[in-house]
Amino acid sequence: MTLPPQLVVHRDKELMAEAAAARLITRIVDVQAARGTASVVLTGGRNGNALLAAIAASPARDAVDWSRLDLWWGDERFLPEGDPERNVVQAREALLDRVPLDPERVHAMPASDGQAGDDVEAAAEQYAADLAKAAGPEDHAGVPSFDVLLLGMGPDTHVASLFPEHPGVRETGRTVVGVHGSPKPPPTRVSLTLPAIRAAHEVWVLAAGEDKADAVALALSGPGEVQAPASGAYGTNRTLWLLDRAAASAIPADLYPPA
């Protein structure tokens, strides 16, 4: 049975980013203390990058053993290596270049000028193979059981690069897909699928701003993942929706009673 999501609402987007950063640092430290290594799936966009910047600014970041952290991505813009619009480039600027990561543990999605060339389907297969190779015998979804998987959500309820009514959101067999004709530029992307997302122990959905309010309310009302992909994003142990007050402002009272 899928557990209902837990909602955490902060005063504003700045406080949300700082609190999410503190929460993520704590989670990584706890997992590393218990198991030695930890794995996190990063998200791009304004909220994902704000969280990374908040980690970079936090004195507590040094509590993390960055050399024992695996980083993956939920989606990527299929652009050339080093393009400033790529999520991995923005993540490096916000945090990754400031901490002592093991480069072998930073699993960026393929670029359009990489080994797979400009074939986005081949790039998706390549990333799926990387995930499968990293999966252990206890992992049954063809991907590692990520400790935390971060997702931003768009005003149309998309998460990763899974858009309402698009083929990728209907995918049940593959763990990674090439995305064509994205309604948000650039049109070609690589994305984890919902089955891969659901392999994570914890899924955290980040949303801030009034422009996300209707989408948050819709996704939490359970319309179905094809119409609202964010409603199909959940973890095996816990699902957190980390919001600011503006993004939470349209949630029905029966789902989130006002204080």
Protein backbone atom coordinates (compact mmCIF):
# COMPACT_ATOMS: atom_id res chain seq x y z
CA MET A 1 0.00 0.00 0.00
CA THR A 2 1.27 3.47 -0.90
CA LEU A 3 1.57 5.77 2.09
CA PRO A 4 0.03 9.23 1.67
CA PRO A 5 2.50 12.08 1.15
CA GLN A 6 3.59 14.22 4.08
CA LEU A 7 3.24 17.96 3.54
CA VAL A 8 5.75 20.42 5.00
CA VAL A 9 4.89 24.07 4.39
CA HIS A 10 7.40 26.87 4.96
CA ARG A 11 6.89 30.62 5.14
CA ASP A 12 8.65 31.43 1.87
CA LYS A 13 10.85 29.89 -0.81
CA GLU A 14 14.11 30.99 0.85
CA LEU A 15 13.22 29.29 4.12
CA MET A 16 12.00 26.26 2.19
CA ALA A 17 15.36 25.92 0.45
CA GLU A 18 17.31 26.29 3.70
CA ALA A 19 15.12 23.80 5.55
CA ALA A 20 15.24 21.30 2.69
CA ALA A 21 19.03 21.62 2.62
CA ALA A 22 19.26 20.92 6.35
CA ARG A 23 16.89 17.98 5.97
CA LEU A 24 18.92 16.51 3.10
CA ILE A 25 22.25 16.91 4.88
CA THR A 26 20.81 15.14 7.92
CA ARG A 27 19.40 12.33 5.80
CA ILE A 28 22.70 11.76 3.98
CA VAL A 29 24.67 11.75 7.24
CA ASP A 30 22.27 9.28 8.83
CA VAL A 31 22.41 6.91 5.86
CA GLN A 32 26.20 7.08 5.68
CA ALA A 33 26.44 6.35 9.39
CA ALA A 34 24.22 3.29 8.96
CA ARG A 35 25.50 1.93 5.67
CA GLY A 36 28.68 3.76 4.67
CA THR A 37 27.44 5.25 1.40
CA ALA A 38 24.36 7.17 0.30
CA SER A 39 22.68 7.95 -3.02
CA VAL A 40 20.70 11.01 -4.05
CA VAL A 41 18.92 11.85 -7.29
CA LEU A 42 19.15 15.57 -8.06
CA THR A 43 16.64 17.79 -9.80
CA GLY A 44 17.19 20.99 -11.74
CA GLY A 45 15.06 24.10 -11.93
CA ARG A 46 14.84 27.03 -9.59
CA ASN A 47 13.93 25.05 -6.46
CA GLY A 48 16.42 22.25 -7.01
CA ASN A 49 19.24 24.72 -7.61
CA ALA A 50 18.18 26.84 -4.63
CA LEU A 51 18.42 23.76 -2.40
CA LEU A 52 21.93 23.00 -3.68
CA ALA A 53 23.00 26.61 -3.14
CA ALA A 54 21.64 26.43 0.41
CA ILE A 55 23.72 23.31 1.06
CA ALA A 56 26.79 25.10 -0.27
CA ALA A 57 26.16 27.97 2.16
CA SER A 58 25.53 25.70 5.17
CA PRO A 59 28.30 25.07 7.72
CA ALA A 60 26.72 21.64 8.23
CA ARG A 61 27.71 20.55 4.72
CA ASP A 62 31.06 19.37 6.12
CA ALA A 63 29.22 16.69 8.09
CA VAL A 64 28.67 14.84 4.81
CA ASP A 65 31.36 12.49 3.55
CA TRP A 66 31.12 13.69 -0.03
CA SER A 67 33.50 11.00 -1.25
CA ARG A 68 30.93 8.36 -0.31
CA LEU A 69 27.93 9.94 -2.00
CA ASP A 70 26.50 8.79 -5.33
CA LEU A 71 24.68 11.46 -7.32
CA TRP A 72 22.24 10.73 -10.13
CA TRP A 73 19.80 12.91 -12.07
CA GLY A 74 16.06 12.58 -12.58
CA ASP A 75 16.17 14.24 -15.98
CA GLU A 76 18.40 16.26 -18.23
CA ARG A 77 18.15 18.61 -21.19
CA PHE A 78 19.65 16.83 -24.18
CA LEU A 79 22.18 19.50 -25.06
CA PRO A 80 25.95 19.53 -25.65
CA GLU A 81 28.37 18.99 -22.77
CA GLY A 82 28.91 22.22 -20.86
CA ASP A 83 25.76 23.92 -22.11
CA PRO A 84 24.62 26.28 -19.32
CA GLU A 85 21.05 24.98 -19.62
CA ARG A 86 22.07 21.46 -18.62
CA ASN A 87 21.05 20.50 -15.09
CA VAL A 88 24.47 19.05 -14.30
CA VAL A 89 26.19 22.32 -15.27
CA GLN A 90 23.87 24.33 -13.01
CA ALA A 91 24.35 21.82 -10.18
CA ARG A 92 28.11 22.12 -10.46
CA GLU A 93 27.87 25.91 -10.22
CA ALA A 94 25.51 25.78 -7.25
CA LEU A 95 27.28 23.10 -5.19
CA LEU A 96 29.16 20.24 -6.80
CA ASP A 97 32.34 22.14 -7.64
CA ARG A 98 32.56 23.31 -4.01
CA VAL A 99 32.62 19.90 -2.29
CA PRO A 100 35.09 16.97 -2.53
CA LEU A 101 32.99 14.53 -4.53
CA ASP A 102 34.42 11.39 -6.09
CA PRO A 103 34.06 12.06 -9.85
CA GLU A 104 33.31 8.36 -10.40
CA ARG A 105 30.22 8.73 -8.22
CA VAL A 106 28.77 11.69 -10.15
CA HIS A 107 26.51 10.04 -12.73
CA ALA A 108 25.52 12.77 -15.18
CA MET A 109 23.07 11.94 -17.93
CA PRO A 110 24.54 11.82 -21.45
CA ALA A 111 25.01 15.00 -23.47
CA SER A 112 23.98 15.33 -27.10
CA ASP A 113 27.63 15.32 -28.17
CA GLY A 114 28.58 12.35 -26.01
CA GLN A 115 29.11 8.66 -26.66
CA ALA A 116 25.53 8.16 -27.87
CA GLY A 117 25.77 11.13 -30.21
CA ASP A 118 22.59 13.04 -30.93
CA ASP A 119 20.40 9.91 -30.56
CA VAL A 120 18.36 10.61 -27.44
CA GLU A 121 16.98 7.06 -27.34
CA ALA A 122 20.51 5.66 -27.31
CA ALA A 123 21.40 8.15 -24.56
CA ALA A 124 18.43 6.93 -22.50
CA GLU A 125 19.52 3.32 -22.98
CA GLN A 126 23.04 4.23 -21.92
CA TYR A 127 21.83 5.81 -18.67
CA ALA A 128 19.50 2.89 -18.02
CA ALA A 129 22.49 0.55 -18.39
CA ASP A 130 24.49 2.67 -15.91
CA LEU A 131 21.63 2.47 -13.41
CA ALA A 132 21.25 -1.27 -13.86
CA LYS A 133 24.97 -1.78 -13.32
CA ALA A 134 24.79 0.16 -10.05
CA ALA A 135 21.73 -1.75 -8.79
CA GLY A 136 22.38 -4.40 -6.17
CA PRO A 137 20.83 -7.86 -5.82
CA GLU A 138 18.26 -6.43 -3.42
CA ASP A 139 17.11 -3.85 -5.99
CA HIS A 140 14.25 -5.11 -8.12
CA ALA A 141 13.41 -2.18 -10.40
CA GLY A 142 16.57 -2.15 -12.53
CA VAL A 143 17.87 0.88 -10.65
CA PRO A 144 19.47 1.42 -7.24
CA SER A 145 17.09 1.98 -4.34
CA PHE A 146 17.98 5.66 -4.07
CA ASP A 147 18.01 7.06 -0.54
CA VAL A 148 16.46 10.38 -1.59
CA LEU A 149 15.10 11.35 -4.99
CA LEU A 150 14.43 15.06 -5.47
CA LEU A 151 11.85 16.38 -7.90
CA GLY A 152 10.76 19.84 -8.86
CA MET A 153 7.23 20.23 -10.16
CA GLY A 154 6.09 22.45 -13.01
CA PRO A 155 2.87 24.50 -13.20
CA ASP A 156 1.44 21.72 -15.40
CA THR A 157 2.27 19.09 -12.68
CA HIS A 158 5.20 17.61 -14.63
CA VAL A 159 8.05 16.05 -12.68
CA ALA A 160 11.46 15.15 -14.12
CA SER A 161 10.62 15.45 -17.84
CA LEU A 162 7.38 13.49 -17.59
CA PHE A 163 4.64 15.74 -18.93
CA PRO A 164 0.86 15.24 -18.74
CA GLU A 165 -0.47 12.93 -21.47
CA HIS A 166 3.00 12.47 -23.01
CA PRO A 167 4.28 8.95 -23.80
CA GLY A 168 6.96 8.99 -21.10
CA VAL A 169 4.46 9.24 -18.27
CA ARG A 170 2.78 6.06 -19.50
CA GLU A 171 6.00 4.05 -19.63
CA THR A 172 5.99 0.98 -17.38
CA GLY A 173 8.78 -1.19 -18.77
CA ARG A 174 11.80 1.07 -19.14
CA THR A 175 13.61 2.99 -16.40
CA VAL A 176 14.85 5.84 -18.64
CA VAL A 177 13.25 7.35 -21.74
CA GLY A 178 14.07 9.87 -24.40
CA VAL A 179 11.59 12.72 -24.43
CA HIS A 180 10.56 14.32 -27.73
CA GLY A 181 8.46 17.43 -28.15
CA SER A 182 8.66 18.65 -24.58
CA PRO A 183 6.22 21.55 -24.09
CA LYS A 184 8.97 23.25 -22.10
CA PRO A 185 12.17 24.02 -24.04
CA PRO A 186 14.43 22.45 -24.98
CA PRO A 187 12.15 19.91 -26.70
CA THR A 188 14.49 16.91 -26.40
CA ARG A 189 15.33 15.47 -22.99
CA VAL A 190 16.27 12.34 -21.07
CA SER A 191 14.16 11.35 -18.07
CA LEU A 192 13.70 8.67 -15.46
CA THR A 193 10.31 7.00 -15.67
CA LEU A 194 7.80 6.69 -12.84
CA PRO A 195 8.82 3.06 -12.09
CA ALA A 196 12.43 4.23 -11.61
CA ILE A 197 11.31 7.14 -9.44
CA ARG A 198 9.21 4.83 -7.28
CA ALA A 199 12.24 2.66 -6.53
CA ALA A 200 13.57 5.41 -4.22
CA HIS A 201 13.23 5.01 -0.47
CA GLU A 202 12.19 8.65 -0.20
CA VAL A 203 10.81 10.99 -2.86
CA TRP A 204 10.79 14.72 -2.11
CA VAL A 205 8.72 17.01 -4.33
CA LEU A 206 9.74 20.68 -4.18
CA ALA A 207 7.34 23.46 -5.16
CA ALA A 208 7.39 27.17 -4.37
CA GLY A 209 5.53 30.17 -5.68
CA GLU A 210 1.95 31.12 -6.46
CA ASP A 211 2.33 29.83 -10.01
CA LYS A 212 2.57 26.28 -8.58
CA ALA A 213 -0.49 26.52 -6.30
CA ASP A 214 -3.08 25.06 -8.68
CA ALA A 215 -0.71 22.30 -9.75
CA VAL A 216 0.02 21.31 -6.15
CA ALA A 217 -3.68 21.18 -5.32
CA LEU A 218 -4.43 19.14 -8.45
CA ALA A 219 -1.62 16.63 -7.95
CA LEU A 220 -2.52 16.06 -4.30
CA SER A 221 -6.17 15.48 -5.16
CA GLY A 222 -5.20 12.24 -6.92
CA PRO A 223 -6.35 12.71 -10.52
CA GLY A 224 -4.00 10.03 -11.85
CA GLU A 225 -0.42 10.18 -13.09
CA VAL A 226 -1.23 10.53 -16.80
CA GLN A 227 -3.11 13.77 -16.16
CA ALA A 228 -0.89 14.90 -13.27
CA PRO A 229 2.50 13.13 -13.30
CA ALA A 230 3.46 14.47 -9.87
CA SER A 231 0.64 12.42 -8.33
CA GLY A 232 2.46 9.28 -9.48
CA ALA A 233 5.79 10.19 -7.85
CA TYR A 234 6.21 8.49 -4.49
CA GLY A 235 8.80 6.59 -2.50
CA THR A 236 8.75 3.12 -0.99
CA ASN A 237 9.19 4.46 2.56
CA ARG A 238 8.18 8.12 2.47
CA THR A 239 6.99 10.87 0.16
CA LEU A 240 7.52 14.48 1.19
CA TRP A 241 6.03 17.56 -0.43
CA LEU A 242 8.20 20.51 0.56
CA LEU A 243 6.28 23.70 -0.16
CA ASP A 244 6.15 27.37 0.61
CA ARG A 245 2.91 29.04 1.67
CA ALA A 246 2.25 30.40 -1.81
CA ALA A 247 2.48 26.97 -3.41
CA ALA A 248 0.30 25.46 -0.69
CA SER A 249 -2.36 28.17 -0.86
CA ALA A 250 -4.86 26.24 -3.02
CA ILE A 251 -4.67 22.87 -1.27
CA PRO A 252 -8.17 21.81 -0.16
CA ALA A 253 -8.74 21.96 3.58
CA ASP A 254 -9.45 18.22 3.78
CA LEU A 255 -5.93 17.52 2.51
CA TYR A 256 -4.13 20.24 4.42
CA PRO A 257 -6.22 22.07 7.03
CA PRO A 258 -5.13 25.69 7.38
CA ALA A 259 -3.38 26.60 10.65
